Amino acid sequence: MRAQLLKPEEPEPELAALLSEVIGLRTILVNVIFALANGHGISDEQMQSLIDRADQEKTSKKATERLAIVGAYRKA
């Protein structure tokens, strides 16, 4: 993925979508690991809340920001 993002042309929409999914998975994973590391379990409701949050965030500005960083890096 990194090699594709660093190509001189704009990333393909499929790659941007893949990056969004990776960001969503990262959001879920970090929150689950944090809860487990602090001795807490994850209820079904909490897990669904994390999934919903990740779905909202992955399509938000995070993927766009990361793609912009890559674009700036490529131009430098």
N, C-alpha and C. Protein backbone atom coordinates (compact mmCIF):
# COMPACT_ATOMS: atom_id res chain seq x y z
N MET A 1 0.83 -1.16 0.00
CA MET A 1 0.00 0.00 0.00
C MET A 1 0.89 1.25 0.00
N ARG A 2 1.94 1.23 0.81
CA ARG A 2 2.80 2.40 0.90
C ARG A 2 3.40 2.74 -0.46
N ALA A 3 3.88 1.73 -1.15
CA ALA A 3 4.48 1.96 -2.46
C ALA A 3 3.47 2.58 -3.43
N GLN A 4 2.27 2.10 -3.39
CA GLN A 4 1.23 2.66 -4.25
C GLN A 4 0.91 4.11 -3.90
N LEU A 5 0.86 4.40 -2.61
CA LEU A 5 0.57 5.77 -2.18
C LEU A 5 1.68 6.75 -2.56
N LEU A 6 2.90 6.25 -2.64
CA LEU A 6 4.02 7.13 -2.94
C LEU A 6 4.28 7.30 -4.43
N LYS A 7 3.49 6.70 -5.27
CA LYS A 7 3.62 6.90 -6.71
C LYS A 7 3.34 8.37 -7.02
N PRO A 8 3.93 8.87 -8.09
CA PRO A 8 3.78 10.29 -8.38
C PRO A 8 2.35 10.74 -8.71
N GLU A 9 1.54 9.90 -9.25
CA GLU A 9 0.17 10.28 -9.58
C GLU A 9 -0.74 10.17 -8.36
N GLU A 10 -1.93 10.67 -8.50
CA GLU A 10 -2.91 10.59 -7.42
C GLU A 10 -3.25 9.12 -7.13
N PRO A 11 -3.49 8.78 -5.85
CA PRO A 11 -3.86 7.40 -5.53
C PRO A 11 -5.19 7.03 -6.18
N GLU A 12 -5.28 5.80 -6.57
CA GLU A 12 -6.52 5.32 -7.17
C GLU A 12 -7.61 5.28 -6.11
N PRO A 13 -8.87 5.43 -6.53
CA PRO A 13 -9.98 5.41 -5.56
C PRO A 13 -10.02 4.12 -4.75
N GLU A 14 -9.64 3.02 -5.36
CA GLU A 14 -9.63 1.75 -4.65
C GLU A 14 -8.62 1.78 -3.51
N LEU A 15 -7.48 2.40 -3.75
CA LEU A 15 -6.45 2.50 -2.72
C LEU A 15 -6.90 3.42 -1.60
N ALA A 16 -7.55 4.51 -1.95
CA ALA A 16 -8.08 5.41 -0.93
C ALA A 16 -9.12 4.68 -0.07
N ALA A 17 -9.95 3.85 -0.71
CA ALA A 17 -10.95 3.08 0.04
C ALA A 17 -10.26 2.07 0.96
N LEU A 18 -9.22 1.45 0.47
CA LEU A 18 -8.47 0.49 1.29
C LEU A 18 -7.83 1.18 2.48
N LEU A 19 -7.28 2.36 2.27
CA LEU A 19 -6.70 3.12 3.37
C LEU A 19 -7.77 3.46 4.40
N SER A 20 -8.95 3.82 3.94
CA SER A 20 -10.05 4.11 4.86
C SER A 20 -10.40 2.90 5.71
N GLU A 21 -10.41 1.72 5.10
CA GLU A 21 -10.71 0.49 5.85
C GLU A 21 -9.62 0.21 6.88
N VAL A 22 -8.37 0.42 6.50
CA VAL A 22 -7.26 0.20 7.43
C VAL A 22 -7.37 1.16 8.62
N ILE A 23 -7.73 2.40 8.34
CA ILE A 23 -7.91 3.37 9.42
C ILE A 23 -9.04 2.93 10.35
N GLY A 24 -10.14 2.43 9.75
CA GLY A 24 -11.25 1.94 10.56
C GLY A 24 -10.85 0.77 11.44
N LEU A 25 -10.13 -0.17 10.87
CA LEU A 25 -9.66 -1.33 11.64
C LEU A 25 -8.71 -0.90 12.76
N ARG A 26 -7.86 0.07 12.47
CA ARG A 26 -6.94 0.59 13.48
C ARG A 26 -7.72 1.19 14.65
N THR A 27 -8.75 1.94 14.35
CA THR A 27 -9.57 2.55 15.39
C THR A 27 -10.15 1.49 16.31
N ILE A 28 -10.70 0.43 15.73
CA ILE A 28 -11.30 -0.64 16.51
C ILE A 28 -10.22 -1.35 17.34
N LEU A 29 -9.14 -1.72 16.69
CA LEU A 29 -8.08 -2.49 17.35
C LEU A 29 -7.47 -1.73 18.52
N VAL A 30 -7.16 -0.46 18.32
CA VAL A 30 -6.55 0.33 19.39
C VAL A 30 -7.48 0.41 20.59
N ASN A 31 -8.75 0.63 20.34
CA ASN A 31 -9.71 0.74 21.45
C ASN A 31 -9.91 -0.58 22.17
N VAL A 32 -9.96 -1.68 21.45
CA VAL A 32 -10.14 -2.99 22.08
C VAL A 32 -8.91 -3.35 22.90
N ILE A 33 -7.73 -3.14 22.34
CA ILE A 33 -6.50 -3.45 23.07
C ILE A 33 -6.38 -2.58 24.32
N PHE A 34 -6.73 -1.31 24.21
CA PHE A 34 -6.67 -0.42 25.37
C PHE A 34 -7.61 -0.91 26.48
N ALA A 35 -8.82 -1.28 26.12
CA ALA A 35 -9.78 -1.77 27.11
C ALA A 35 -9.28 -3.05 27.76
N LEU A 36 -8.79 -3.99 26.97
CA LEU A 36 -8.30 -5.25 27.50
C LEU A 36 -7.06 -5.05 28.37
N ALA A 37 -6.18 -4.16 27.98
CA ALA A 37 -4.96 -3.89 28.74
C ALA A 37 -5.27 -3.28 30.10
N ASN A 38 -6.41 -2.63 30.20
CA ASN A 38 -6.83 -2.03 31.46
C ASN A 38 -7.79 -2.93 32.24
N GLY A 39 -7.86 -4.19 31.84
CA GLY A 39 -8.65 -5.16 32.57
C GLY A 39 -10.16 -5.09 32.33
N HIS A 40 -10.57 -4.44 31.27
CA HIS A 40 -11.99 -4.33 30.95
C HIS A 40 -12.34 -5.26 29.80
N GLY A 41 -13.53 -5.78 29.84
CA GLY A 41 -14.04 -6.55 28.72
C GLY A 41 -14.75 -5.63 27.74
N ILE A 42 -15.16 -6.20 26.65
CA ILE A 42 -15.90 -5.44 25.63
C ILE A 42 -17.26 -6.10 25.47
N SER A 43 -18.30 -5.36 25.77
CA SER A 43 -19.65 -5.89 25.60
C SER A 43 -20.05 -5.82 24.12
N ASP A 44 -21.10 -6.52 23.77
CA ASP A 44 -21.61 -6.47 22.40
C ASP A 44 -21.95 -5.03 22.00
N GLU A 45 -22.56 -4.31 22.93
CA GLU A 45 -22.95 -2.93 22.65
C GLU A 45 -21.72 -2.03 22.45
N GLN A 46 -20.71 -2.23 23.28
CA GLN A 46 -19.50 -1.44 23.14
C GLN A 46 -18.79 -1.75 21.82
N MET A 47 -18.77 -3.03 21.46
CA MET A 47 -18.13 -3.40 20.21
C MET A 47 -18.87 -2.79 19.03
N GLN A 48 -20.19 -2.83 19.07
CA GLN A 48 -20.96 -2.24 17.98
C GLN A 48 -20.73 -0.74 17.91
N SER A 49 -20.60 -0.11 19.08
CA SER A 49 -20.33 1.32 19.13
C SER A 49 -18.97 1.63 18.49
N LEU A 50 -17.97 0.80 18.78
CA LEU A 50 -16.65 0.98 18.17
C LEU A 50 -16.71 0.81 16.66
N ILE A 51 -17.46 -0.18 16.21
CA ILE A 51 -17.60 -0.41 14.77
C ILE A 51 -18.29 0.78 14.11
N ASP A 52 -19.35 1.26 14.73
CA ASP A 52 -20.07 2.41 14.18
C ASP A 52 -19.16 3.64 14.12
N ARG A 53 -18.40 3.84 15.19
CA ARG A 53 -17.48 4.98 15.24
C ARG A 53 -16.42 4.87 14.15
N ALA A 54 -15.87 3.67 13.99
CA ALA A 54 -14.85 3.46 12.97
C ALA A 54 -15.43 3.70 11.58
N ASP A 55 -16.65 3.25 11.35
CA ASP A 55 -17.29 3.48 10.05
C ASP A 55 -17.47 4.96 9.77
N GLN A 56 -17.81 5.72 10.78
CA GLN A 56 -17.99 7.17 10.61
C GLN A 56 -16.65 7.85 10.37
N GLU A 57 -15.65 7.46 11.14
CA GLU A 57 -14.35 8.12 11.06
C GLU A 57 -13.58 7.76 9.80
N LYS A 58 -13.72 6.54 9.35
CA LYS A 58 -12.91 6.14 8.20
C LYS A 58 -13.31 6.87 6.93
N THR A 59 -14.54 7.35 6.89
CA THR A 59 -14.97 8.10 5.72
C THR A 59 -14.85 9.60 5.96
N SER A 60 -14.36 9.97 7.12
CA SER A 60 -14.22 11.39 7.44
C SER A 60 -12.89 11.91 6.92
N LYS A 61 -12.39 12.91 7.59
CA LYS A 61 -11.20 13.58 7.11
C LYS A 61 -9.89 12.84 7.37
N LYS A 62 -9.89 11.78 8.18
CA LYS A 62 -8.63 11.11 8.50
C LYS A 62 -7.95 10.54 7.24
N ALA A 63 -8.71 9.84 6.42
CA ALA A 63 -8.11 9.28 5.20
C ALA A 63 -7.68 10.41 4.27
N THR A 64 -8.50 11.44 4.17
CA THR A 64 -8.17 12.57 3.32
C THR A 64 -6.89 13.25 3.81
N GLU A 65 -6.77 13.42 5.13
CA GLU A 65 -5.57 14.03 5.69
C GLU A 65 -4.33 13.20 5.39
N ARG A 66 -4.44 11.90 5.54
CA ARG A 66 -3.28 11.04 5.29
C ARG A 66 -2.89 11.05 3.82
N LEU A 67 -3.90 11.08 2.94
CA LEU A 67 -3.60 11.15 1.50
C LEU A 67 -2.97 12.49 1.16
N ALA A 68 -3.38 13.57 1.82
CA ALA A 68 -2.79 14.88 1.58
C ALA A 68 -1.33 14.90 2.03
N ILE A 69 -1.03 14.25 3.15
CA ILE A 69 0.35 14.16 3.63
C ILE A 69 1.21 13.44 2.61
N VAL A 70 0.67 12.35 2.09
CA VAL A 70 1.41 11.59 1.08
C VAL A 70 1.62 12.46 -0.15
N GLY A 71 0.59 13.20 -0.56
CA GLY A 71 0.73 14.08 -1.71
C GLY A 71 1.80 15.14 -1.51
N ALA A 72 1.84 15.72 -0.31
CA ALA A 72 2.86 16.73 -0.01
C ALA A 72 4.25 16.10 -0.01
N TYR A 73 4.33 14.88 0.51
CA TYR A 73 5.62 14.17 0.55
C TYR A 73 6.12 13.91 -0.86
N ARG A 74 5.19 13.53 -1.75
CA ARG A 74 5.57 13.23 -3.13
C ARG A 74 6.06 14.47 -3.85
N LYS A 75 5.50 15.63 -3.53
CA LYS A 75 5.86 16.88 -4.22
C LYS A 75 7.17 17.44 -3.69
N ALA A 76 7.59 17.03 -2.51
CA ALA A 76 8.80 17.59 -1.91
C ALA A 76 10.06 17.00 -2.50
